[in-house]
Amino acid sequence: MDGTRRSNIKAGLRVAIVLKQDQRSGKLTEGVVQDILTKSGKHPHGIKVRLQSGAVGRVKEILG
């Protein structure tokens, strides 16, 4: 599934995000979506979410 489309992302979904400080390295952080922060339906760099851990970043992979 595509992490750039808001319609693909729901609270409770397991995803891999890239944190702001990890954008250069591309290091991914896995977790469960708590809130969707991007308001638009699509974003070229990934939809911004807050994980249950409190981490905020853009979705790069949807794990299920």
PDB file of N, CA and C in Angstrom:
ATOM      1  N   MET A   1       0.834  -1.195   0.000  1.00  0.00           N
ATOM      2  CA  MET A   1       0.000   0.000   0.000  1.00  0.00           C
ATOM      3  C   MET A   1       0.874   1.252   0.000  1.00  0.00           C
ATOM      4  N   ASP A   2       0.257   2.342  -0.352  1.00  0.00           N
ATOM      5  CA  ASP A   2       0.953   3.593  -0.584  1.00  0.00           C
ATOM      6  C   ASP A   2       0.860   4.518   0.633  1.00  0.00           C
ATOM      7  N   GLY A   3       2.008   4.866   1.223  1.00  0.00           N
ATOM      8  CA  GLY A   3       2.044   5.757   2.380  1.00  0.00           C
ATOM      9  C   GLY A   3       1.853   7.218   2.038  1.00  0.00           C
ATOM     10  N   THR A   4       1.702   7.539   0.736  1.00  0.00           N
ATOM     11  CA  THR A   4       1.505   8.935   0.346  1.00  0.00           C
ATOM     12  C   THR A   4       0.019   9.286   0.256  1.00  0.00           C
ATOM     13  N   ARG A   5      -0.869   8.324   0.415  1.00  0.00           N
ATOM     14  CA  ARG A   5      -2.318   8.569   0.353  1.00  0.00           C
ATOM     15  C   ARG A   5      -2.940   8.432   1.735  1.00  0.00           C
ATOM     16  N   ARG A   6      -3.636   9.473   2.163  1.00  0.00           N
ATOM     17  CA  ARG A   6      -4.253   9.495   3.494  1.00  0.00           C
ATOM     18  C   ARG A   6      -5.304   8.397   3.639  1.00  0.00           C
ATOM     19  N   SER A   7      -5.998   8.068   2.559  1.00  0.00           N
ATOM     20  CA  SER A   7      -7.078   7.073   2.611  1.00  0.00           C
ATOM     21  C   SER A   7      -6.567   5.673   2.949  1.00  0.00           C
ATOM     22  N   ASN A   8      -5.268   5.413   2.751  1.00  0.00           N
ATOM     23  CA  ASN A   8      -4.686   4.096   3.058  1.00  0.00           C
ATOM     24  C   ASN A   8      -4.306   3.942   4.524  1.00  0.00           C
ATOM     25  N   ILE A   9      -4.330   5.035   5.279  1.00  0.00           N
ATOM     26  CA  ILE A   9      -3.807   5.024   6.648  1.00  0.00           C
ATOM     27  C   ILE A   9      -4.937   5.225   7.641  1.00  0.00           C
ATOM     28  N   LYS A  10      -4.993   4.352   8.636  1.00  0.00           N
ATOM     29  CA  LYS A  10      -6.019   4.420   9.675  1.00  0.00           C
ATOM     30  C   LYS A  10      -5.337   4.287  11.038  1.00  0.00           C
ATOM     31  N   ALA A  11      -5.984   4.819  12.071  1.00  0.00           N
ATOM     32  CA  ALA A  11      -5.477   4.642  13.441  1.00  0.00           C
ATOM     33  C   ALA A  11      -5.481   3.147  13.755  1.00  0.00           C
ATOM     34  N   GLY A  12      -4.433   2.687  14.420  1.00  0.00           N
ATOM     35  CA  GLY A  12      -4.315   1.277  14.771  1.00  0.00           C
ATOM     36  C   GLY A  12      -3.530   0.457  13.764  1.00  0.00           C
ATOM     37  N   LEU A  13      -3.183   1.059  12.626  1.00  0.00           N
ATOM     38  CA  LEU A  13      -2.429   0.364  11.584  1.00  0.00           C
ATOM     39  C   LEU A  13      -0.936   0.376  11.919  1.00  0.00           C
ATOM     40  N   ARG A  14      -0.247  -0.737  11.643  1.00  0.00           N
ATOM     41  CA  ARG A  14       1.202  -0.824  11.892  1.00  0.00           C
ATOM     42  C   ARG A  14       1.935  -0.270  10.663  1.00  0.00           C
ATOM     43  N   VAL A  15       2.833   0.695  10.900  1.00  0.00           N
ATOM     44  CA  VAL A  15       3.534   1.366   9.807  1.00  0.00           C
ATOM     45  C   VAL A  15       5.011   1.544  10.147  1.00  0.00           C
ATOM     46  N   ALA A  16       5.800   1.872   9.131  1.00  0.00           N
ATOM     47  CA  ALA A  16       7.189   2.287   9.315  1.00  0.00           C
ATOM     48  C   ALA A  16       7.274   3.742   8.865  1.00  0.00           C
ATOM     49  N   ILE A  17       7.778   4.597   9.761  1.00  0.00           N
ATOM     50  CA  ILE A  17       7.886   6.023   9.450  1.00  0.00           C
ATOM     51  C   ILE A  17       9.356   6.441   9.467  1.00  0.00           C
ATOM     52  N   VAL A  18       9.620   7.583   8.821  1.00  0.00           N
ATOM     53  CA  VAL A  18      10.945   8.197   8.928  1.00  0.00           C
ATOM     54  C   VAL A  18      10.770   9.452   9.781  1.00  0.00           C
ATOM     55  N   LEU A  19      11.547   9.542  10.858  1.00  0.00           N
ATOM     56  CA  LEU A  19      11.518  10.707  11.734  1.00  0.00           C
ATOM     57  C   LEU A  19      12.263  11.857  11.071  1.00  0.00           C
ATOM     58  N   LYS A  20      11.950  13.090  11.483  1.00  0.00           N
ATOM     59  CA  LYS A  20      12.593  14.276  10.908  1.00  0.00           C
ATOM     60  C   LYS A  20      14.124  14.167  10.983  1.00  0.00           C
ATOM     61  N   GLN A  21      14.649  13.750  12.142  1.00  0.00           N
ATOM     62  CA  GLN A  21      16.105  13.684  12.303  1.00  0.00           C
ATOM     63  C   GLN A  21      16.736  12.526  11.534  1.00  0.00           C
ATOM     64  N   ASP A  22      15.910  11.576  11.053  1.00  0.00           N
ATOM     65  CA  ASP A  22      16.420  10.421  10.311  1.00  0.00           C
ATOM     66  C   ASP A  22      16.223  10.549   8.804  1.00  0.00           C
ATOM     67  N   GLN A  23      15.759  11.713   8.332  1.00  0.00           N
ATOM     68  CA  GLN A  23      15.469  11.857   6.906  1.00  0.00           C
ATOM     69  C   GLN A  23      16.710  11.673   6.041  1.00  0.00           C
ATOM     70  N   ARG A  24      17.857  12.142   6.492  1.00  0.00           N
ATOM     71  CA  ARG A  24      19.086  11.999   5.697  1.00  0.00           C
ATOM     72  C   ARG A  24      19.515  10.540   5.596  1.00  0.00           C
ATOM     73  N   SER A  25      19.458   9.829   6.715  1.00  0.00           N
ATOM     74  CA  SER A  25      19.908   8.428   6.739  1.00  0.00           C
ATOM     75  C   SER A  25      18.844   7.478   6.199  1.00  0.00           C
ATOM     76  N   GLY A  26      17.584   7.879   6.294  1.00  0.00           N
ATOM     77  CA  GLY A  26      16.496   7.018   5.829  1.00  0.00           C
ATOM     78  C   GLY A  26      16.111   5.937   6.820  1.00  0.00           C
ATOM     79  N   LYS A  27      16.616   6.036   8.068  1.00  0.00           N
ATOM     80  CA  LYS A  27      16.320   5.041   9.104  1.00  0.00           C
ATOM     81  C   LYS A  27      14.820   5.048   9.412  1.00  0.00           C
ATOM     82  N   LEU A  28      14.212   3.861   9.426  1.00  0.00           N
ATOM     83  CA  LEU A  28      12.773   3.746   9.661  1.00  0.00           C
ATOM     84  C   LEU A  28      12.487   3.362  11.108  1.00  0.00           C
ATOM     85  N   THR A  29      11.359   3.851  11.613  1.00  0.00           N
ATOM     86  CA  THR A  29      10.884   3.537  12.953  1.00  0.00           C
ATOM     87  C   THR A  29       9.517   2.897  12.816  1.00  0.00           C
ATOM     88  N   GLU A  30       9.330   1.719  13.401  1.00  0.00           N
ATOM     89  CA  GLU A  30       8.050   1.019  13.301  1.00  0.00           C
ATOM     90  C   GLU A  30       7.174   1.329  14.500  1.00  0.00           C
ATOM     91  N   GLY A  31       5.865   1.309  14.261  1.00  0.00           N
ATOM     92  CA  GLY A  31       4.930   1.530  15.356  1.00  0.00           C
ATOM     93  C   GLY A  31       3.503   1.497  14.861  1.00  0.00           C
ATOM     94  N   VAL A  32       2.588   1.795  15.778  1.00  0.00           N
ATOM     95  CA  VAL A  32       1.153   1.761  15.488  1.00  0.00           C
ATOM     96  C   VAL A  32       0.633   3.201  15.458  1.00  0.00           C
ATOM     97  N   VAL A  33      -0.131   3.536  14.418  1.00  0.00           N
ATOM     98  CA  VAL A  33      -0.652   4.892  14.221  1.00  0.00           C
ATOM     99  C   VAL A  33      -1.654   5.245  15.322  1.00  0.00           C
ATOM    100  N   GLN A  34      -1.414   6.411  15.936  1.00  0.00           N
ATOM    101  CA  GLN A  34      -2.367   6.943  16.917  1.00  0.00           C
ATOM    102  C   GLN A  34      -3.206   8.045  16.268  1.00  0.00           C
ATOM    103  N   ASP A  35      -2.525   9.018  15.627  1.00  0.00           N
ATOM    104  CA  ASP A  35      -3.201  10.151  14.978  1.00  0.00           C
ATOM    105  C   ASP A  35      -2.617  10.374  13.589  1.00  0.00           C
ATOM    106  N   ILE A  36      -3.476  10.834  12.673  1.00  0.00           N
ATOM    107  CA  ILE A  36      -3.024  11.255  11.341  1.00  0.00           C
ATOM    108  C   ILE A  36      -2.933  12.778  11.383  1.00  0.00           C
ATOM    109  N   LEU A  37      -1.752  13.320  11.108  1.00  0.00           N
ATOM    110  CA  LEU A  37      -1.522  14.761  11.242  1.00  0.00           C
ATOM    111  C   LEU A  37      -1.665  15.520   9.931  1.00  0.00           C
ATOM    112  N   THR A  38      -1.461  14.858   8.790  1.00  0.00           N
ATOM    113  CA  THR A  38      -1.603  15.513   7.486  1.00  0.00           C
ATOM    114  C   THR A  38      -3.088  15.633   7.148  1.00  0.00           C
ATOM    115  N   LYS A  39      -3.505  16.842   6.797  1.00  0.00           N
ATOM    116  CA  LYS A  39      -4.925  17.082   6.487  1.00  0.00           C
ATOM    117  C   LYS A  39      -5.268  16.780   5.023  1.00  0.00           C
ATOM    118  N   SER A  40      -4.308  16.989   4.113  1.00  0.00           N
ATOM    119  CA  SER A  40      -4.590  16.782   2.691  1.00  0.00           C
ATOM    120  C   SER A  40      -4.690  15.292   2.374  1.00  0.00           C
ATOM    121  N   GLY A  41      -5.323  14.961   1.281  1.00  0.00           N
ATOM    122  CA  GLY A  41      -5.542  13.579   0.887  1.00  0.00           C
ATOM    123  C   GLY A  41      -4.302  12.864   0.407  1.00  0.00           C
ATOM    124  N   LYS A  42      -3.286  13.648   0.011  1.00  0.00           N
ATOM    125  CA  LYS A  42      -2.069  13.061  -0.551  1.00  0.00           C
ATOM    126  C   LYS A  42      -0.881  13.951  -0.221  1.00  0.00           C
ATOM    127  N   HIS A  43       0.283  13.332   0.001  1.00  0.00           N
ATOM    128  CA  HIS A  43       1.517  14.107   0.213  1.00  0.00           C
ATOM    129  C   HIS A  43       2.663  13.324  -0.428  1.00  0.00           C
ATOM    130  N   PRO A  44       3.481  13.975  -1.267  1.00  0.00           N
ATOM    131  CA  PRO A  44       4.523  13.254  -2.015  1.00  0.00           C
ATOM    132  C   PRO A  44       5.585  12.578  -1.141  1.00  0.00           C
ATOM    133  N   HIS A  45       5.809  13.077   0.082  1.00  0.00           N
ATOM    134  CA  HIS A  45       6.843  12.499   0.946  1.00  0.00           C
ATOM    135  C   HIS A  45       6.270  11.547   1.992  1.00  0.00           C
ATOM    136  N   GLY A  46       4.959  11.341   1.963  1.00  0.00           N
ATOM    137  CA  GLY A  46       4.322  10.461   2.935  1.00  0.00           C
ATOM    138  C   GLY A  46       3.438  11.235   3.883  1.00  0.00           C
ATOM    139  N   ILE A  47       2.387  10.587   4.351  1.00  0.00           N
ATOM    140  CA  ILE A  47       1.439  11.203   5.283  1.00  0.00           C
ATOM    141  C   ILE A  47       2.094  11.276   6.666  1.00  0.00           C
ATOM    142  N   LYS A  48       1.997  12.429   7.322  1.00  0.00           N
ATOM    143  CA  LYS A  48       2.592  12.591   8.649  1.00  0.00           C
ATOM    144  C   LYS A  48       1.643  12.026   9.705  1.00  0.00           C
ATOM    145  N   VAL A  49       2.201  11.191  10.580  1.00  0.00           N
ATOM    146  CA  VAL A  49       1.409  10.553  11.634  1.00  0.00           C
ATOM    147  C   VAL A  49       2.130  10.639  12.979  1.00  0.00           C
ATOM    148  N   ARG A  50       1.343  10.449  14.050  1.00  0.00           N
ATOM    149  CA  ARG A  50       1.909  10.279  15.396  1.00  0.00           C
ATOM    150  C   ARG A  50       1.675   8.831  15.780  1.00  0.00           C
ATOM    151  N   LEU A  51       2.736   8.159  16.212  1.00  0.00           N
ATOM    152  CA  LEU A  51       2.613   6.770  16.655  1.00  0.00           C
ATOM    153  C   LEU A  51       2.179   6.730  18.121  1.00  0.00           C
ATOM    154  N   GLN A  52       1.756   5.558  18.583  1.00  0.00           N
ATOM    155  CA  GLN A  52       1.365   5.399  19.975  1.00  0.00           C
ATOM    156  C   GLN A  52       2.527   5.677  20.918  1.00  0.00           C
ATOM    157  N   SER A  53       3.757   5.519  20.425  1.00  0.00           N
ATOM    158  CA  SER A  53       4.956   5.805  21.226  1.00  0.00           C
ATOM    159  C   SER A  53       5.198   7.306  21.371  1.00  0.00           C
ATOM    160  N   GLY A  54       4.484   8.115  20.582  1.00  0.00           N
ATOM    161  CA  GLY A  54       4.670   9.567  20.599  1.00  0.00           C
ATOM    162  C   GLY A  54       5.550  10.079  19.471  1.00  0.00           C
ATOM    163  N   ALA A  55       6.212   9.166  18.747  1.00  0.00           N
ATOM    164  CA  ALA A  55       7.073   9.560  17.621  1.00  0.00           C
ATOM    165  C   ALA A  55       6.226  10.127  16.486  1.00  0.00           C
ATOM    166  N   VAL A  56       6.736  11.173  15.836  1.00  0.00           N
ATOM    167  CA  VAL A  56       6.041  11.817  14.715  1.00  0.00           C
ATOM    168  C   VAL A  56       6.933  11.721  13.485  1.00  0.00           C
ATOM    169  N   GLY A  57       6.356  11.280  12.364  1.00  0.00           N
ATOM    170  CA  GLY A  57       7.118  11.198  11.127  1.00  0.00           C
ATOM    171  C   GLY A  57       6.212  10.888   9.955  1.00  0.00           C
ATOM    172  N   ARG A  58       6.832  10.705   8.795  1.00  0.00           N
ATOM    173  CA  ARG A  58       6.078  10.450   7.566  1.00  0.00           C
ATOM    174  C   ARG A  58       6.096   8.961   7.235  1.00  0.00           C
ATOM    175  N   VAL A  59       4.938   8.445   6.821  1.00  0.00           N
ATOM    176  CA  VAL A  59       4.795   7.012   6.532  1.00  0.00           C
ATOM    177  C   VAL A  59       5.556   6.660   5.260  1.00  0.00           C
ATOM    178  N   LYS A  60       6.455   5.677   5.373  1.00  0.00           N
ATOM    179  CA  LYS A  60       7.195   5.176   4.226  1.00  0.00           C
ATOM    180  C   LYS A  60       6.711   3.781   3.831  1.00  0.00           C
ATOM    181  N   GLU A  61       6.256   2.993   4.801  1.00  0.00           N
ATOM    182  CA  GLU A  61       5.741   1.653   4.511  1.00  0.00           C
ATOM    183  C   GLU A  61       4.543   1.370   5.402  1.00  0.00           C
ATOM    184  N   ILE A  62       3.557   0.673   4.829  1.00  0.00           N
ATOM    185  CA  ILE A  62       2.416   0.193   5.609  1.00  0.00           C
ATOM    186  C   ILE A  62       2.631  -1.299   5.830  1.00  0.00           C
ATOM    187  N   LEU A  63       2.750  -1.679   7.101  1.00  0.00           N
ATOM    188  CA  LEU A  63       3.088  -3.068   7.443  1.00  0.00           C
ATOM    189  C   LEU A  63       1.850  -3.905   7.723  1.00  0.00           C
ATOM    190  N   GLY A  64       0.718  -3.286   7.985  1.00  0.00           N
ATOM    191  CA  GLY A  64      -0.517  -4.053   8.178  1.00  0.00           C
ATOM    192  C   GLY A  64      -1.203  -3.830   9.476  1.00  0.00           C
TER     193      GLY A  64
END
